[in-house]
C-alpha atoms as a PDB file:
ATOM      1  CA  MET A   1      36.450  -4.088 -54.532  1.00  0.00           C
ATOM      2  CA  ILE A   2      38.954  -6.203 -52.597  1.00  0.00           C
ATOM      3  CA  HIS A   3      42.441  -6.251 -53.869  1.00  0.00           C
ATOM      4  CA  ILE A   4      44.489  -9.155 -53.394  1.00  0.00           C
ATOM      5  CA  VAL A   5      48.343  -8.814 -53.265  1.00  0.00           C
ATOM      6  CA  PHE A   6      50.959 -11.457 -52.170  1.00  0.00           C
ATOM      7  CA  ASN A   7      53.821  -9.080 -50.649  1.00  0.00           C
ATOM      8  CA  GLU A   8      53.734  -6.866 -47.963  1.00  0.00           C
ATOM      9  CA  PRO A   9      55.181  -3.926 -49.873  1.00  0.00           C
ATOM     10  CA  ASP A  10      52.671  -4.306 -52.573  1.00  0.00           C
ATOM     11  CA  ILE A  11      49.965  -2.927 -50.042  1.00  0.00           C
ATOM     12  CA  LYS A  12      51.776   0.378 -49.491  1.00  0.00           C
ATOM     13  CA  VAL A  13      52.017   1.226 -53.166  1.00  0.00           C
ATOM     14  CA  LEU A  14      48.617  -0.080 -54.198  1.00  0.00           C
ATOM     15  CA  GLN A  15      47.018   2.080 -51.264  1.00  0.00           C
ATOM     16  CA  GLU A  16      48.907   5.028 -52.557  1.00  0.00           C
ATOM     17  CA  ALA A  17      47.770   4.289 -56.199  1.00  0.00           C
ATOM     18  CA  ILE A  18      44.071   3.969 -54.574  1.00  0.00           C
ATOM     19  CA  ALA A  19      44.414   7.316 -53.106  1.00  0.00           C
ATOM     20  CA  LEU A  20      45.073   8.570 -56.665  1.00  0.00           C
ATOM     21  CA  ASP A  21      41.869   7.100 -58.076  1.00  0.00           C
ATOM     22  CA  GLU A  22      38.886   6.609 -56.019  1.00  0.00           C
ATOM     23  CA  THR A  23      37.614   4.339 -58.671  1.00  0.00           C
ATOM     24  CA  LEU A  24      39.975   1.836 -57.107  1.00  0.00           C
ATOM     25  CA  ALA A  25      38.685   2.360 -53.594  1.00  0.00           C
ATOM     26  CA  GLY A  26      38.508  -0.931 -51.559  1.00  0.00           C
ATOM     27  CA  GLU A  27      40.432  -3.290 -49.023  1.00  0.00           C
ATOM     28  CA  VAL A  28      43.899  -4.529 -49.750  1.00  0.00           C
ATOM     29  CA  VAL A  29      44.366  -8.180 -48.547  1.00  0.00           C
ATOM     30  CA  GLN A  30      47.519  -9.738 -48.579  1.00  0.00           C
ATOM     31  CA  ILE A  31      47.977 -13.752 -49.094  1.00  0.00           C
ATOM     32  CA  LYS A  32      51.000 -14.183 -46.903  1.00  0.00           C
ATOM     33  CA  ASP A  33      52.660 -17.437 -47.218  1.00  0.00           C
ATOM     34  CA  ASP A  34      55.280 -18.141 -49.852  1.00  0.00           C
ATOM     35  CA  TYR A  35      54.010 -20.919 -52.018  1.00  0.00           C
ATOM     36  CA  ALA A  36      57.046 -20.779 -54.169  1.00  0.00           C
ATOM     37  CA  VAL A  37      58.911 -23.130 -51.448  1.00  0.00           C
ATOM     38  CA  GLY A  38      57.826 -25.916 -49.072  1.00  0.00           C
ATOM     39  CA  PRO A  39      55.634 -28.971 -49.453  1.00  0.00           C
ATOM     40  CA  LEU A  40      52.354 -28.674 -51.249  1.00  0.00           C
ATOM     41  CA  GLY A  41      50.833 -32.206 -50.730  1.00  0.00           C
ATOM     42  CA  ASN A  42      47.124 -32.295 -49.541  1.00  0.00           C
ATOM     43  CA  ILE A  43      47.671 -28.501 -49.079  1.00  0.00           C
ATOM     44  CA  TYR A  44      43.905 -27.794 -48.557  1.00  0.00           C
ATOM     45  CA  VAL A  45      43.239 -30.387 -45.873  1.00  0.00           C
ATOM     46  CA  GLY A  46      44.179 -30.844 -42.215  1.00  0.00           C
ATOM     47  CA  GLU A  47      47.040 -33.251 -43.009  1.00  0.00           C
ATOM     48  CA  GLY A  48      48.985 -31.123 -45.782  1.00  0.00           C
ATOM     49  CA  ILE A  49      48.298 -27.935 -43.834  1.00  0.00           C
ATOM     50  CA  GLU A  50      49.800 -29.308 -40.516  1.00  0.00           C
ATOM     51  CA  ALA A  51      52.869 -30.753 -42.720  1.00  0.00           C
ATOM     52  CA  ARG A  52      53.481 -27.279 -44.209  1.00  0.00           C
ATOM     53  CA  LYS A  53      53.118 -25.604 -40.634  1.00  0.00           C
ATOM     54  CA  GLU A  54      55.876 -28.064 -39.370  1.00  0.00           C
ATOM     55  CA  TRP A  55      58.093 -27.447 -42.284  1.00  0.00           C
ATOM     56  CA  TRP A  56      57.958 -23.741 -41.785  1.00  0.00           C
ATOM     57  CA  ALA A  57      58.591 -24.271 -37.976  1.00  0.00           C
ATOM     58  CA  GLU A  58      61.851 -26.160 -38.920  1.00  0.00           C
ATOM     59  CA  VAL A  59      62.935 -23.583 -41.300  1.00  0.00           C
ATOM     60  CA  LEU A  60      62.255 -20.521 -39.010  1.00  0.00           C
ATOM     61  CA  ARG A  61      63.222 -22.136 -35.548  1.00  0.00           C
ATOM     62  CA  GLY A  62      66.440 -20.750 -34.340  1.00  0.00           C
ATOM     63  CA  GLY A  63      66.670 -17.942 -36.974  1.00  0.00           C
ATOM     64  CA  ASP A  64      65.991 -14.370 -37.751  1.00  0.00           C
ATOM     65  CA  TYR A  65      62.250 -15.020 -38.047  1.00  0.00           C
ATOM     66  CA  GLU A  66      61.705 -17.506 -35.213  1.00  0.00           C
ATOM     67  CA  ALA A  67      59.190 -14.781 -33.783  1.00  0.00           C
ATOM     68  CA  LYS A  68      56.799 -15.444 -36.510  1.00  0.00           C
ATOM     69  CA  LEU A  69      56.217 -19.133 -35.289  1.00  0.00           C
ATOM     70  CA  ASN A  70      53.728 -18.417 -32.688  1.00  0.00           C
ATOM     71  CA  SER A  71      52.645 -14.898 -33.763  1.00  0.00           C
ATOM     72  CA  ASN A  72      49.597 -16.489 -35.846  1.00  0.00           C
ATOM     73  CA  GLU A  73      50.674 -13.812 -38.478  1.00  0.00           C
ATOM     74  CA  VAL A  74      50.227 -16.078 -41.312  1.00  0.00           C
ATOM     75  CA  ASP A  75      46.951 -17.791 -41.689  1.00  0.00           C
ATOM     76  CA  ASP A  76      45.924 -17.709 -45.424  1.00  0.00           C
ATOM     77  CA  TYR A  77      43.276 -20.182 -44.733  1.00  0.00           C
ATOM     78  CA  LYS A  78      41.516 -17.810 -42.461  1.00  0.00           C
ATOM     79  CA  THR A  79      42.019 -15.066 -45.092  1.00  0.00           C
ATOM     80  CA  ALA A  80      40.467 -17.340 -47.748  1.00  0.00           C
ATOM     81  CA  ALA A  81      37.423 -18.216 -45.531  1.00  0.00           C
ATOM     82  CA  GLU A  82      36.864 -14.479 -44.750  1.00  0.00           C
ATOM     83  CA  LEU A  83      37.062 -13.774 -48.458  1.00  0.00           C
ATOM     84  CA  VAL A  84      34.638 -16.231 -49.519  1.00  0.00           C
ATOM     85  CA  GLY A  85      32.383 -15.101 -46.753  1.00  0.00           C
ATOM     86  CA  THR A  86      32.492 -11.515 -47.944  1.00  0.00           C
ATOM     87  CA  MET A  87      31.685 -12.631 -51.407  1.00  0.00           C
ATOM     88  CA  ARG A  88      28.735 -14.823 -50.532  1.00  0.00           C
ATOM     89  CA  ARG A  89      27.422 -12.141 -48.272  1.00  0.00           C
ATOM     90  CA  ASN A  90      27.779  -9.640 -50.738  1.00  0.00           C
ATOM     91  CA  GLU A  91      26.852 -10.453 -54.699  1.00  0.00           C
ATOM     92  CA  GLU A  92      27.942  -7.039 -55.864  1.00  0.00           C
ATOM     93  CA  GLU A  93      31.544  -7.461 -54.083  1.00  0.00           C
ATOM     94  CA  ILE A  94      34.305  -8.045 -56.835  1.00  0.00           C
ATOM     95  CA  ILE A  95      37.833  -9.008 -56.215  1.00  0.00           C
ATOM     96  CA  TRP A  96      40.973  -8.024 -58.221  1.00  0.00           C
ATOM     97  CA  ILE A  97      43.990 -10.083 -57.953  1.00  0.00           C
ATOM     98  CA  TRP A  98      47.368  -8.489 -58.730  1.00  0.00           C
ATOM     99  CA  ALA A  99      50.345 -10.428 -59.598  1.00  0.00           C
ATOM    100  CA  ALA A 100      53.538  -9.583 -61.130  1.00  0.00           C
ATOM    101  CA  GLN A 101      55.832 -12.118 -62.982  1.00  0.00           C
ATOM    102  CA  ASN A 102      57.524 -13.759 -60.529  1.00  0.00           C
ATOM    103  CA  LYS A 103      57.356 -17.209 -58.889  1.00  0.00           C
ATOM    104  CA  HIS A 104      55.746 -16.066 -55.773  1.00  0.00           C
ATOM    105  CA  ASP A 105      53.004 -14.129 -56.761  1.00  0.00           C
ATOM    106  CA  VAL A 106      52.041 -16.861 -59.429  1.00  0.00           C
ATOM    107  CA  SER A 107      52.266 -19.708 -56.800  1.00  0.00           C
ATOM    108  CA  GLY A 108      49.989 -17.613 -54.571  1.00  0.00           C
ATOM    109  CA  TYR A 109      47.603 -17.120 -57.444  1.00  0.00           C
ATOM    110  CA  TYR A 110      47.563 -20.686 -58.213  1.00  0.00           C
ATOM    111  CA  TRP A 111      46.716 -21.529 -54.378  1.00  0.00           C
ATOM    112  CA  LEU A 112      44.196 -18.913 -54.033  1.00  0.00           C
ATOM    113  CA  LEU A 113      41.969 -20.247 -57.167  1.00  0.00           C
ATOM    114  CA  ASN A 114      40.854 -22.974 -55.197  1.00  0.00           C
ATOM    115  CA  TYR A 115      38.572 -20.645 -53.085  1.00  0.00           C
ATOM    116  CA  MET A 116      37.542 -18.419 -56.011  1.00  0.00           C
ATOM    117  CA  LYS A 117      36.087 -20.860 -58.644  1.00  0.00           C
ATOM    118  CA  GLU A 118      32.437 -20.272 -57.219  1.00  0.00           C
ATOM    119  CA  PHE A 119      32.789 -16.625 -57.986  1.00  0.00           C
ATOM    120  CA  GLN A 120      33.535 -16.906 -61.586  1.00  0.00           C
ATOM    121  CA  GLY A 121      32.888 -13.591 -63.292  1.00  0.00           C
ATOM    122  CA  ARG A 122      33.360 -11.494 -60.254  1.00  0.00           C
ATOM    123  CA  VAL A 123      37.263 -12.327 -59.696  1.00  0.00           C
ATOM    124  CA  PHE A 124      39.599 -10.587 -62.015  1.00  0.00           C
ATOM    125  CA  ILE A 125      43.305 -10.922 -62.544  1.00  0.00           C
ATOM    126  CA  LEU A 126      46.020  -8.088 -63.451  1.00  0.00           C
ATOM    127  CA  TYR A 127      48.971 -10.176 -64.354  1.00  0.00           C
ATOM    128  CA  LEU A 128      51.761  -7.467 -64.935  1.00  0.00           C
ATOM    129  CA  ASN A 129      53.457 -10.145 -67.521  1.00  0.00           C
ATOM    130  CA  ASN A 130      56.080  -8.577 -69.548  1.00  0.00           C
ATOM    131  CA  LEU A 131      54.591  -5.215 -69.518  1.00  0.00           C
ATOM    132  CA  PRO A 132      56.603  -2.092 -69.753  1.00  0.00           C
ATOM    133  CA  PHE A 133      56.355   0.718 -67.130  1.00  0.00           C
ATOM    134  CA  ILE A 134      58.006   4.006 -66.353  1.00  0.00           C
ATOM    135  CA  ASN A 135      60.223   4.179 -63.612  1.00  0.00           C
ATOM    136  CA  GLU A 136      61.170   7.407 -61.194  1.00  0.00           C
ATOM    137  CA  LYS A 137      63.972   8.370 -63.529  1.00  0.00           C
ATOM    138  CA  GLY A 138      61.561   8.336 -66.698  1.00  0.00           C
ATOM    139  CA  ASN A 139      63.066   5.088 -68.136  1.00  0.00           C
ATOM    140  CA  ILE A 140      61.168   2.253 -69.332  1.00  0.00           C
ATOM    141  CA  PHE A 141      61.258  -1.160 -67.266  1.00  0.00           C
ATOM    142  CA  TYR A 142      59.880  -4.364 -67.045  1.00  0.00           C
ATOM    143  CA  PRO A 143      58.903  -5.075 -63.063  1.00  0.00           C
ATOM    144  CA  SER A 144      59.311  -8.335 -61.565  1.00  0.00           C
ATOM    145  CA  TRP A 145      57.575  -7.109 -58.471  1.00  0.00           C
ATOM    146  CA  LEU A 146      54.481  -4.859 -57.893  1.00  0.00           C
ATOM    147  CA  GLN A 147      56.524  -2.574 -55.618  1.00  0.00           C
ATOM    148  CA  GLU A 148      58.738  -1.583 -58.047  1.00  0.00           C
ATOM    149  CA  ILE A 149      56.005   0.319 -60.077  1.00  0.00           C
ATOM    150  CA  GLN A 150      55.289   3.904 -59.214  1.00  0.00           C
ATOM    151  CA  PRO A 151      51.737   4.449 -57.589  1.00  0.00           C
ATOM    152  CA  LYS A 152      50.607   6.633 -60.595  1.00  0.00           C
ATOM    153  CA  GLU A 153      51.652   3.742 -63.093  1.00  0.00           C
ATOM    154  CA  PHE A 154      49.103   1.512 -61.255  1.00  0.00           C
ATOM    155  CA  LEU A 155      46.465   3.762 -62.872  1.00  0.00           C
ATOM    156  CA  LYS A 156      47.588   2.620 -66.258  1.00  0.00           C
ATOM    157  CA  ALA A 157      47.681  -0.982 -64.905  1.00  0.00           C
ATOM    158  CA  ARG A 158      44.167  -0.922 -63.619  1.00  0.00           C
ATOM    159  CA  LYS A 159      43.044  -1.119 -67.351  1.00  0.00           C
ATOM    160  CA  LEU A 160      44.453  -4.668 -67.588  1.00  0.00           C
ATOM    161  CA  ALA A 161      42.032  -5.979 -65.342  1.00  0.00           C
ATOM    162  CA  ARG A 162      40.188  -9.023 -66.836  1.00  0.00           C
ATOM    163  CA  GLU A 163      37.856 -11.750 -65.711  1.00  0.00           C
ATOM    164  CA  ILE A 164      39.502 -14.636 -64.768  1.00  0.00           C
ATOM    165  CA  THR A 165      37.620 -17.162 -67.494  1.00  0.00           C
ATOM    166  CA  LEU A 166      35.746 -20.351 -66.846  1.00  0.00           C
ATOM    167  CA  SER A 167      38.446 -22.156 -68.762  1.00  0.00           C
ATOM    168  CA  GLU A 168      41.287 -20.835 -66.400  1.00  0.00           C
ATOM    169  CA  PHE A 169      39.443 -21.966 -63.597  1.00  0.00           C
ATOM    170  CA  GLU A 170      39.350 -25.377 -65.162  1.00  0.00           C
ATOM    171  CA  VAL A 171      42.949 -25.379 -66.276  1.00  0.00           C
ATOM    172  CA  ASP A 172      45.118 -23.556 -63.731  1.00  0.00           C
ATOM    173  CA  PRO A 173      43.656 -25.689 -60.761  1.00  0.00           C
ATOM    174  CA  ASP A 174      44.941 -28.661 -62.681  1.00  0.00           C
ATOM    175  CA  GLU A 175      48.172 -27.386 -63.171  1.00  0.00           C
ATOM    176  CA  TRP A 176      48.356 -26.518 -59.511  1.00  0.00           C
ATOM    177  CA  THR A 177      47.133 -30.067 -58.485  1.00  0.00           C
ATOM    178  CA  LYS A 178      49.832 -31.748 -60.673  1.00  0.00           C
ATOM    179  CA  LEU A 179      52.454 -29.633 -58.871  1.00  0.00           C
ATOM    180  CA  CYS A 180      50.971 -30.358 -55.291  1.00  0.00           C
ATOM    181  CA  ASN A 181      51.020 -33.896 -56.202  1.00  0.00           C
ATOM    182  CA  GLU A 182      54.703 -33.925 -57.291  1.00  0.00           C
ATOM    183  CA  ASN A 183      55.034 -32.174 -53.754  1.00  0.00           C
ATOM    184  CA  LYS A 184      58.786 -30.986 -54.457  1.00  0.00           C
ATOM    185  CA  GLY A 185      60.317 -28.106 -52.586  1.00  0.00           C
ATOM    186  CA  VAL A 186      60.877 -25.335 -54.809  1.00  0.00           C
ATOM    187  CA  ARG A 187      59.066 -23.838 -57.593  1.00  0.00           C
ATOM    188  CA  THR A 188      60.582 -21.501 -60.386  1.00  0.00           C
ATOM    189  CA  LEU A 189      58.907 -19.713 -63.136  1.00  0.00           C
ATOM    190  CA  GLU A 190      59.634 -20.616 -66.531  1.00  0.00           C
ATOM    191  CA  GLY A 191      57.242 -17.933 -68.401  1.00  0.00           C
ATOM    192  CA  GLY A 192      53.946 -16.574 -68.300  1.00  0.00           C
ATOM    193  CA  LYS A 193      52.170 -18.725 -65.688  1.00  0.00           C
ATOM    194  CA  LYS A 194      54.437 -21.753 -66.268  1.00  0.00           C
ATOM    195  CA  LEU A 195      55.925 -23.180 -62.864  1.00  0.00           C
ATOM    196  CA  VAL A 196      58.539 -25.891 -62.677  1.00  0.00           C
ATOM    197  CA  GLN A 197      59.739 -27.827 -59.776  1.00  0.00           C
ATOM    198  CA  GLU A 198      63.046 -28.633 -58.168  1.00  0.00           C
ATOM    199  CA  ASP A 199      64.222 -30.133 -55.003  1.00  0.00           C
ATOM    200  CA  TYR A 200      64.679 -28.470 -51.679  1.00  0.00           C
ATOM    201  CA  ASP A 201      68.355 -28.162 -52.565  1.00  0.00           C
ATOM    202  CA  PHE A 202      68.046 -26.303 -55.635  1.00  0.00           C
ATOM    203  CA  TYR A 203      69.689 -22.971 -54.422  1.00  0.00           C
ATOM    204  CA  ASP A 204      72.480 -25.017 -52.719  1.00  0.00           C
ATOM    205  CA  ALA A 205      74.945 -24.865 -55.402  1.00  0.00           C
ATOM    206  CA  GLU A 206      74.717 -21.310 -56.317  1.00  0.00           C
ATOM    207  CA  LEU A 207      74.812 -20.335 -52.337  1.00  0.00           C
ATOM    208  CA  LYS A 208      78.030 -22.344 -51.970  1.00  0.00           C
ATOM    209  CA  LYS A 209      79.805 -20.089 -54.456  1.00  0.00           C
ATOM    210  CA  PHE A 210      79.719 -17.210 -52.051  1.00  0.00           C
ATOM    211  CA  ILE A 211      81.468 -18.925 -49.391  1.00  0.00           C
ATOM    212  CA  THR A 212      85.186 -18.058 -49.456  1.00  0.00           C
ATOM    213  CA  PRO A 213      88.142 -19.029 -47.526  1.00  0.00           C
ATOM    214  CA  ASP A 214      87.975 -16.347 -45.308  1.00  0.00           C
ATOM    215  CA  TRP A 215      85.328 -15.885 -42.542  1.00  0.00           C
ATOM    216  CA  GLN A 216      82.145 -14.269 -43.405  1.00  0.00           C
ATOM    217  CA  LYS A 217      79.040 -13.702 -41.390  1.00  0.00           C
ATOM    218  CA  ALA A 218      75.913 -15.724 -42.870  1.00  0.00           C
ATOM    219  CA  SER A 219      74.142 -12.402 -43.465  1.00  0.00           C
ATOM    220  CA  LYS A 220      77.051 -11.076 -45.939  1.00  0.00           C
ATOM    221  CA  ILE A 221      76.795 -14.624 -47.766  1.00  0.00           C
ATOM    222  CA  ILE A 222      73.146 -14.411 -47.867  1.00  0.00           C
ATOM    223  CA  GLN A 223      72.960 -10.717 -49.126  1.00  0.00           C
ATOM    224  CA  GLN A 224      75.772 -11.455 -52.018  1.00  0.00           C
ATOM    225  CA  PHE A 225      73.334 -14.462 -53.223  1.00  0.00           C
ATOM    226  CA  LEU A 226      70.206 -12.183 -53.130  1.00  0.00           C
ATOM    227  CA  SER A 227      72.110  -9.358 -55.129  1.00  0.00           C
ATOM    228  CA  LYS A 228      73.782 -11.607 -57.725  1.00  0.00           C
ATOM    229  CA  ALA A 229      72.185 -15.003 -58.154  1.00  0.00           C
ATOM    230  CA  THR A 230      69.775 -15.380 -61.041  1.00  0.00           C
ATOM    231  CA  HIS A 231      67.268 -17.417 -59.186  1.00  0.00           C
ATOM    232  CA  THR A 232      66.489 -15.982 -55.667  1.00  0.00           C
ATOM    233  CA  THR A 233      64.267 -16.603 -53.001  1.00  0.00           C
ATOM    234  CA  GLY A 234      63.712 -15.409 -49.251  1.00  0.00           C
ATOM    235  CA  ASP A 235      66.257 -15.103 -46.966  1.00  0.00           C
ATOM    236  CA  ALA A 236      64.854 -17.229 -44.129  1.00  0.00           C
ATOM    237  CA  TYR A 237      64.850 -20.197 -46.989  1.00  0.00           C
ATOM    238  CA  LEU A 238      68.658 -19.454 -47.544  1.00  0.00           C
ATOM    239  CA  LEU A 239      69.583 -19.222 -43.702  1.00  0.00           C
ATOM    240  CA  TRP A 240      67.809 -22.676 -43.418  1.00  0.00           C
ATOM    241  CA  ARG A 241      69.580 -24.161 -46.410  1.00  0.00           C
ATOM    242  CA  LEU A 242      73.057 -22.833 -45.246  1.00  0.00           C
ATOM    243  CA  LYS A 243      72.636 -24.405 -41.629  1.00  0.00           C
ATOM    244  CA  VAL A 244      71.562 -27.804 -43.332  1.00  0.00           C
ATOM    245  CA  MET A 245      74.920 -27.561 -45.384  1.00  0.00           C
ATOM    246  CA  ILE A 246      76.753 -26.872 -42.036  1.00  0.00           C
ATOM    247  CA  ALA A 247      75.129 -29.809 -40.582  1.00  0.00           C
ATOM    248  CA  GLN A 248      76.451 -31.967 -43.394  1.00  0.00           C
ATOM    249  CA  GLU A 249      79.893 -30.547 -42.316  1.00  0.00           C
ATOM    250  CA  LEU A 250      80.502 -29.100 -45.859  1.00  0.00           C
ATOM    251  CA  PHE A 251      81.972 -25.898 -44.086  1.00  0.00           C
ATOM    252  CA  ASP A 252      83.636 -24.404 -41.247  1.00  0.00           C
ATOM    253  CA  VAL A 253      81.539 -22.382 -38.719  1.00  0.00           C
ATOM    254  CA  GLN A 254      82.246 -20.158 -35.855  1.00  0.00           C
ATOM    255  CA  GLY A 255      79.512 -18.364 -33.431  1.00  0.00           C
ATOM    256  CA  LYS A 256      76.216 -19.039 -32.418  1.00  0.00           C
ATOM    257  CA  LEU A 257      74.272 -20.783 -35.279  1.00  0.00           C
ATOM    258  CA  GLU A 258      71.182 -18.944 -34.858  1.00  0.00           C
ATOM    259  CA  ASN A 259      70.444 -15.427 -36.410  1.00  0.00           C
ATOM    260  CA  MET A 260      72.316 -14.889 -39.671  1.00  0.00           C
ATOM    261  CA  LYS A 261      74.516 -12.145 -38.174  1.00  0.00           C
ATOM    262  CA  ASP A 262      75.438 -14.352 -35.130  1.00  0.00           C
ATOM    263  CA  PHE A 263      77.921 -16.821 -37.068  1.00  0.00           C
ATOM    264  CA  GLU A 264      80.462 -16.729 -39.562  1.00  0.00           C
ATOM    265  CA  VAL A 265      81.191 -19.507 -42.375  1.00  0.00           C
ATOM    266  CA  LYS A 266      83.992 -20.376 -44.480  1.00  0.00           C
ATOM    267  CA  LEU A 267      85.186 -23.203 -46.845  1.00  0.00           C
ATOM    268  CA  LYS A 268      86.369 -26.027 -44.755  1.00  0.00           C
ATOM    269  CA  GLY A 269      90.148 -26.297 -43.788  1.00  0.00           C
ATOM    270  CA  THR A 270      91.096 -23.044 -45.590  1.00  0.00           C
ATOM    271  CA  GLY A 271      91.965 -19.683 -44.266  1.00  0.00           C
ATOM    272  CA  SER A 272      93.296 -18.653 -40.770  1.00  0.00           C
END
């Protein structure tokens, strides 16, 4: 059994669940890119793959995550090739894809399906869509991310595993192809597995609300956004968007425009 997740914290909690139930024993593999943002055009061929790499280089360059650019840490195409190879060599192997109800997991699921169709009948989905769980305080809650679920609660979730149907292998890739052809910059989850797309500046208006007449570190602005905004995304993306708006001279800035703790921002022509 191979378990697939889409977020690094999910690995630990799923491994803890496996330790509680040996019938879940298997390797946990992470799909690492965030397919809820960035270009999707020709995403399975060289031209599109390179375009996406170049976009991520623009986003990460001169920021807190610049070290990831040359680390080869994210190579989902290699990971997918290894999964396909394993499944072809061992006809008894099965895959469980774990996804919570968030745009990141759902986008990753759609991306991965391209490599899974030949194994229909051996690929299962555990989509925790609007399902209640018990938190550490004993209260019922509806998790948006797998990492929010206690390991022992995963043992209940395992009962939800079901085969990805032949119909899903036909319909879902068509939906993903449509999104790829639109090739916008941001995907949000409307409900179920329904993704809708927005332009790259989708988060800008909300991000602006946290910029005040007083100087604030970029890190504080981004953290306020992440804790209060309805729609959120990764802090690397937000840092990039903040820098784009600064380049458009929308705000005053002081300090070195690199890591989010290195510079401060305020509304243009206000404060001290």
